[in-house]
Amino acid sequence: MSRLTELTPAEKRFLDDAVAEAERVKGKKLNRPDRYTVLNQAKAQIAASENA
């Protein structure tokens, strides 16, 4: 996956919300590998929506 260079405020909020939701589901703060996994999935969703 290519790196997202410019994110809109809505996309930044989407990434923050994804991490917050994952932390809420887990019940505690995410460790670094889990955080990267969540962010990569959210970034893939953003990239897919840009390509659609």
PDB file of N, CA and C in Angstrom:
ATOM      1  N   MET A   1       0.842  -1.169   0.000  1.00  0.00           N
ATOM      2  CA  MET A   1       0.000   0.000   0.000  1.00  0.00           C
ATOM      3  C   MET A   1       0.888   1.232   0.000  1.00  0.00           C
ATOM      4  N   SER A   2       0.540   2.208  -0.796  1.00  0.00           N
ATOM      5  CA  SER A   2       1.314   3.438  -0.839  1.00  0.00           C
ATOM      6  C   SER A   2       0.949   4.320   0.357  1.00  0.00           C
ATOM      7  N   ARG A   3       1.860   5.175   0.676  1.00  0.00           N
ATOM      8  CA  ARG A   3       1.646   6.059   1.817  1.00  0.00           C
ATOM      9  C   ARG A   3       0.664   7.162   1.448  1.00  0.00           C
ATOM     10  N   LEU A   4      -0.268   7.440   2.339  1.00  0.00           N
ATOM     11  CA  LEU A   4      -1.201   8.536   2.119  1.00  0.00           C
ATOM     12  C   LEU A   4      -0.488   9.832   2.477  1.00  0.00           C
ATOM     13  N   THR A   5      -0.384  10.745   1.516  1.00  0.00           N
ATOM     14  CA  THR A   5       0.396  11.957   1.762  1.00  0.00           C
ATOM     15  C   THR A   5      -0.441  13.094   2.304  1.00  0.00           C
ATOM     16  N   GLU A   6      -1.614  13.299   1.740  1.00  0.00           N
ATOM     17  CA  GLU A   6      -2.448  14.402   2.200  1.00  0.00           C
ATOM     18  C   GLU A   6      -3.787  13.863   2.672  1.00  0.00           C
ATOM     19  N   LEU A   7      -4.079  14.089   3.935  1.00  0.00           N
ATOM     20  CA  LEU A   7      -5.343  13.638   4.499  1.00  0.00           C
ATOM     21  C   LEU A   7      -6.218  14.846   4.798  1.00  0.00           C
ATOM     22  N   THR A   8      -7.473  14.702   4.507  1.00  0.00           N
ATOM     23  CA  THR A   8      -8.421  15.757   4.855  1.00  0.00           C
ATOM     24  C   THR A   8      -8.701  15.668   6.353  1.00  0.00           C
ATOM     25  N   PRO A   9      -9.246  16.710   6.934  1.00  0.00           N
ATOM     26  CA  PRO A   9      -9.605  16.634   8.355  1.00  0.00           C
ATOM     27  C   PRO A   9     -10.576  15.487   8.649  1.00  0.00           C
ATOM     28  N   ALA A  10     -11.475  15.205   7.725  1.00  0.00           N
ATOM     29  CA  ALA A  10     -12.424  14.102   7.928  1.00  0.00           C
ATOM     30  C   ALA A  10     -11.698  12.758   7.943  1.00  0.00           C
ATOM     31  N   GLU A  11     -10.682  12.605   7.087  1.00  0.00           N
ATOM     32  CA  GLU A  11      -9.916  11.354   7.058  1.00  0.00           C
ATOM     33  C   GLU A  11      -9.083  11.196   8.326  1.00  0.00           C
ATOM     34  N   LYS A  12      -8.519  12.291   8.823  1.00  0.00           N
ATOM     35  CA  LYS A  12      -7.765  12.240  10.082  1.00  0.00           C
ATOM     36  C   LYS A  12      -8.684  11.844  11.235  1.00  0.00           C
ATOM     37  N   ARG A  13      -9.891  12.403  11.237  1.00  0.00           N
ATOM     38  CA  ARG A  13     -10.873  12.058  12.256  1.00  0.00           C
ATOM     39  C   ARG A  13     -11.251  10.580  12.158  1.00  0.00           C
ATOM     40  N   PHE A  14     -11.374  10.073  10.924  1.00  0.00           N
ATOM     41  CA  PHE A  14     -11.693   8.667  10.701  1.00  0.00           C
ATOM     42  C   PHE A  14     -10.615   7.765  11.309  1.00  0.00           C
ATOM     43  N   LEU A  15      -9.340   8.121  11.121  1.00  0.00           N
ATOM     44  CA  LEU A  15      -8.249   7.333  11.691  1.00  0.00           C
ATOM     45  C   LEU A  15      -8.291   7.374  13.222  1.00  0.00           C
ATOM     46  N   ASP A  16      -8.513   8.557  13.781  1.00  0.00           N
ATOM     47  CA  ASP A  16      -8.599   8.695  15.236  1.00  0.00           C
ATOM     48  C   ASP A  16      -9.773   7.901  15.797  1.00  0.00           C
ATOM     49  N   ASP A  17     -10.904   7.966  15.101  1.00  0.00           N
ATOM     50  CA  ASP A  17     -12.085   7.228  15.549  1.00  0.00           C
ATOM     51  C   ASP A  17     -11.864   5.723  15.482  1.00  0.00           C
ATOM     52  N   ALA A  18     -11.132   5.267  14.461  1.00  0.00           N
ATOM     53  CA  ALA A  18     -10.849   3.832  14.334  1.00  0.00           C
ATOM     54  C   ALA A  18     -10.006   3.350  15.514  1.00  0.00           C
ATOM     55  N   VAL A  19      -9.006   4.122  15.883  1.00  0.00           N
ATOM     56  CA  VAL A  19      -8.155   3.743  17.018  1.00  0.00           C
ATOM     57  C   VAL A  19      -8.963   3.791  18.316  1.00  0.00           C
ATOM     58  N   ALA A  20      -9.769   4.822  18.487  1.00  0.00           N
ATOM     59  CA  ALA A  20     -10.574   4.952  19.700  1.00  0.00           C
ATOM     60  C   ALA A  20     -11.563   3.794  19.823  1.00  0.00           C
ATOM     61  N   GLU A  21     -12.182   3.404  18.718  1.00  0.00           N
ATOM     62  CA  GLU A  21     -13.133   2.289  18.742  1.00  0.00           C
ATOM     63  C   GLU A  21     -12.426   0.975  19.077  1.00  0.00           C
ATOM     64  N   ALA A  22     -11.243   0.763  18.504  1.00  0.00           N
ATOM     65  CA  ALA A  22     -10.492  -0.458  18.797  1.00  0.00           C
ATOM     66  C   ALA A  22     -10.092  -0.508  20.273  1.00  0.00           C
ATOM     67  N   GLU A  23      -9.722   0.645  20.837  1.00  0.00           N
ATOM     68  CA  GLU A  23      -9.366   0.692  22.262  1.00  0.00           C
ATOM     69  C   GLU A  23     -10.598   0.436  23.125  1.00  0.00           C
ATOM     70  N   ARG A  24     -11.759   0.951  22.698  1.00  0.00           N
ATOM     71  CA  ARG A  24     -12.977   0.725  23.459  1.00  0.00           C
ATOM     72  C   ARG A  24     -13.351  -0.755  23.454  1.00  0.00           C
ATOM     73  N   VAL A  25     -13.205  -1.396  22.292  1.00  0.00           N
ATOM     74  CA  VAL A  25     -13.533  -2.822  22.186  1.00  0.00           C
ATOM     75  C   VAL A  25     -12.568  -3.655  23.030  1.00  0.00           C
ATOM     76  N   LYS A  26     -11.285  -3.316  22.974  1.00  0.00           N
ATOM     77  CA  LYS A  26     -10.276  -4.071  23.724  1.00  0.00           C
ATOM     78  C   LYS A  26     -10.369  -3.797  25.227  1.00  0.00           C
ATOM     79  N   GLY A  27     -10.808  -2.606  25.585  1.00  0.00           N
ATOM     80  CA  GLY A  27     -10.949  -2.259  26.989  1.00  0.00           C
ATOM     81  C   GLY A  27      -9.716  -1.621  27.596  1.00  0.00           C
ATOM     82  N   LYS A  28      -8.691  -1.391  26.784  1.00  0.00           N
ATOM     83  CA  LYS A  28      -7.484  -0.719  27.266  1.00  0.00           C
ATOM     84  C   LYS A  28      -6.749  -0.134  26.070  1.00  0.00           C
ATOM     85  N   LYS A  29      -5.682   0.614  26.351  1.00  0.00           N
ATOM     86  CA  LYS A  29      -4.906   1.228  25.282  1.00  0.00           C
ATOM     87  C   LYS A  29      -4.288   0.140  24.411  1.00  0.00           C
ATOM     88  N   LEU A  30      -4.149   0.449  23.123  1.00  0.00           N
ATOM     89  CA  LEU A  30      -3.542  -0.496  22.195  1.00  0.00           C
ATOM     90  C   LEU A  30      -2.026  -0.413  22.276  1.00  0.00           C
ATOM     91  N   ASN A  31      -1.379  -1.563  22.141  1.00  0.00           N
ATOM     92  CA  ASN A  31       0.078  -1.528  22.044  1.00  0.00           C
ATOM     93  C   ASN A  31       0.450  -1.169  20.601  1.00  0.00           C
ATOM     94  N   ARG A  32       1.699  -0.926  20.361  1.00  0.00           N
ATOM     95  CA  ARG A  32       2.131  -0.411  19.062  1.00  0.00           C
ATOM     96  C   ARG A  32       1.757  -1.327  17.890  1.00  0.00           C
ATOM     97  N   PRO A  33       2.016  -2.643  17.937  1.00  0.00           N
ATOM     98  CA  PRO A  33       1.643  -3.486  16.785  1.00  0.00           C
ATOM     99  C   PRO A  33       0.138  -3.481  16.519  1.00  0.00           C
ATOM    100  N   ASP A  34      -0.675  -3.491  17.572  1.00  0.00           N
ATOM    101  CA  ASP A  34      -2.127  -3.459  17.390  1.00  0.00           C
ATOM    102  C   ASP A  34      -2.575  -2.127  16.796  1.00  0.00           C
ATOM    103  N   ARG A  35      -1.946  -1.057  17.245  1.00  0.00           N
ATOM    104  CA  ARG A  35      -2.282   0.277  16.735  1.00  0.00           C
ATOM    105  C   ARG A  35      -1.953   0.377  15.242  1.00  0.00           C
ATOM    106  N   TYR A  36      -0.784  -0.143  14.858  1.00  0.00           N
ATOM    107  CA  TYR A  36      -0.400  -0.131  13.446  1.00  0.00           C
ATOM    108  C   TYR A  36      -1.371  -0.950  12.608  1.00  0.00           C
ATOM    109  N   THR A  37      -1.821  -2.083  13.138  1.00  0.00           N
ATOM    110  CA  THR A  37      -2.775  -2.920  12.419  1.00  0.00           C
ATOM    111  C   THR A  37      -4.074  -2.161  12.171  1.00  0.00           C
ATOM    112  N   VAL A  38      -4.590  -1.511  13.214  1.00  0.00           N
ATOM    113  CA  VAL A  38      -5.834  -0.756  13.087  1.00  0.00           C
ATOM    114  C   VAL A  38      -5.664   0.398  12.096  1.00  0.00           C
ATOM    115  N   LEU A  39      -4.553   1.119  12.201  1.00  0.00           N
ATOM    116  CA  LEU A  39      -4.326   2.252  11.307  1.00  0.00           C
ATOM    117  C   LEU A  39      -4.167   1.793   9.856  1.00  0.00           C
ATOM    118  N   ASN A  40      -3.474   0.669   9.649  1.00  0.00           N
ATOM    119  CA  ASN A  40      -3.305   0.174   8.284  1.00  0.00           C
ATOM    120  C   ASN A  40      -4.635  -0.232   7.670  1.00  0.00           C
ATOM    121  N   GLN A  41      -5.505  -0.841   8.454  1.00  0.00           N
ATOM    122  CA  GLN A  41      -6.818  -1.218   7.946  1.00  0.00           C
ATOM    123  C   GLN A  41      -7.642   0.024   7.606  1.00  0.00           C
ATOM    124  N   ALA A  42      -7.589   1.027   8.463  1.00  0.00           N
ATOM    125  CA  ALA A  42      -8.339   2.256   8.218  1.00  0.00           C
ATOM    126  C   ALA A  42      -7.784   2.996   6.998  1.00  0.00           C
ATOM    127  N   LYS A  43      -6.463   3.016   6.859  1.00  0.00           N
ATOM    128  CA  LYS A  43      -5.856   3.672   5.700  1.00  0.00           C
ATOM    129  C   LYS A  43      -6.219   2.926   4.410  1.00  0.00           C
ATOM    130  N   ALA A  44      -6.306   1.615   4.477  1.00  0.00           N
ATOM    131  CA  ALA A  44      -6.706   0.835   3.304  1.00  0.00           C
ATOM    132  C   ALA A  44      -8.136   1.181   2.909  1.00  0.00           C
ATOM    133  N   GLN A  45      -9.004   1.397   3.893  1.00  0.00           N
ATOM    134  CA  GLN A  45     -10.382   1.784   3.598  1.00  0.00           C
ATOM    135  C   GLN A  45     -10.423   3.165   2.943  1.00  0.00           C
ATOM    136  N   ILE A  46      -9.600   4.091   3.417  1.00  0.00           N
ATOM    137  CA  ILE A  46      -9.540   5.431   2.827  1.00  0.00           C
ATOM    138  C   ILE A  46      -9.048   5.337   1.385  1.00  0.00           C
ATOM    139  N   ALA A  47      -7.989   4.551   1.167  1.00  0.00           N
ATOM    140  CA  ALA A  47      -7.429   4.411  -0.177  1.00  0.00           C
ATOM    141  C   ALA A  47      -8.443   3.764  -1.121  1.00  0.00           C
ATOM    142  N   ALA A  48      -9.187   2.788  -0.619  1.00  0.00           N
ATOM    143  CA  ALA A  48     -10.201   2.129  -1.451  1.00  0.00           C
ATOM    144  C   ALA A  48     -11.310   3.105  -1.823  1.00  0.00           C
ATOM    145  N   SER A  49     -11.681   3.968  -0.896  1.00  0.00           N
ATOM    146  CA  SER A  49     -12.747   4.928  -1.198  1.00  0.00           C
ATOM    147  C   SER A  49     -12.259   5.985  -2.194  1.00  0.00           C
ATOM    148  N   GLU A  50     -10.966   6.303  -2.171  1.00  0.00           N
ATOM    149  CA  GLU A  50     -10.423   7.253  -3.133  1.00  0.00           C
ATOM    150  C   GLU A  50     -10.392   6.649  -4.532  1.00  0.00           C
ATOM    151  N   ASN A  51     -10.155   5.341  -4.610  1.00  0.00           N
ATOM    152  CA  ASN A  51     -10.081   4.673  -5.907  1.00  0.00           C
ATOM    153  C   ASN A  51     -11.442   4.384  -6.494  1.00  0.00           C
ATOM    154  N   ALA A  52     -12.462   4.381  -5.653  1.00  0.00           N
ATOM    155  CA  ALA A  52     -13.817   4.047  -6.138  1.00  0.00           C
ATOM    156  C   ALA A  52     -14.463   5.213  -6.855  1.00  0.00           C
TER     157      ALA A  52
END
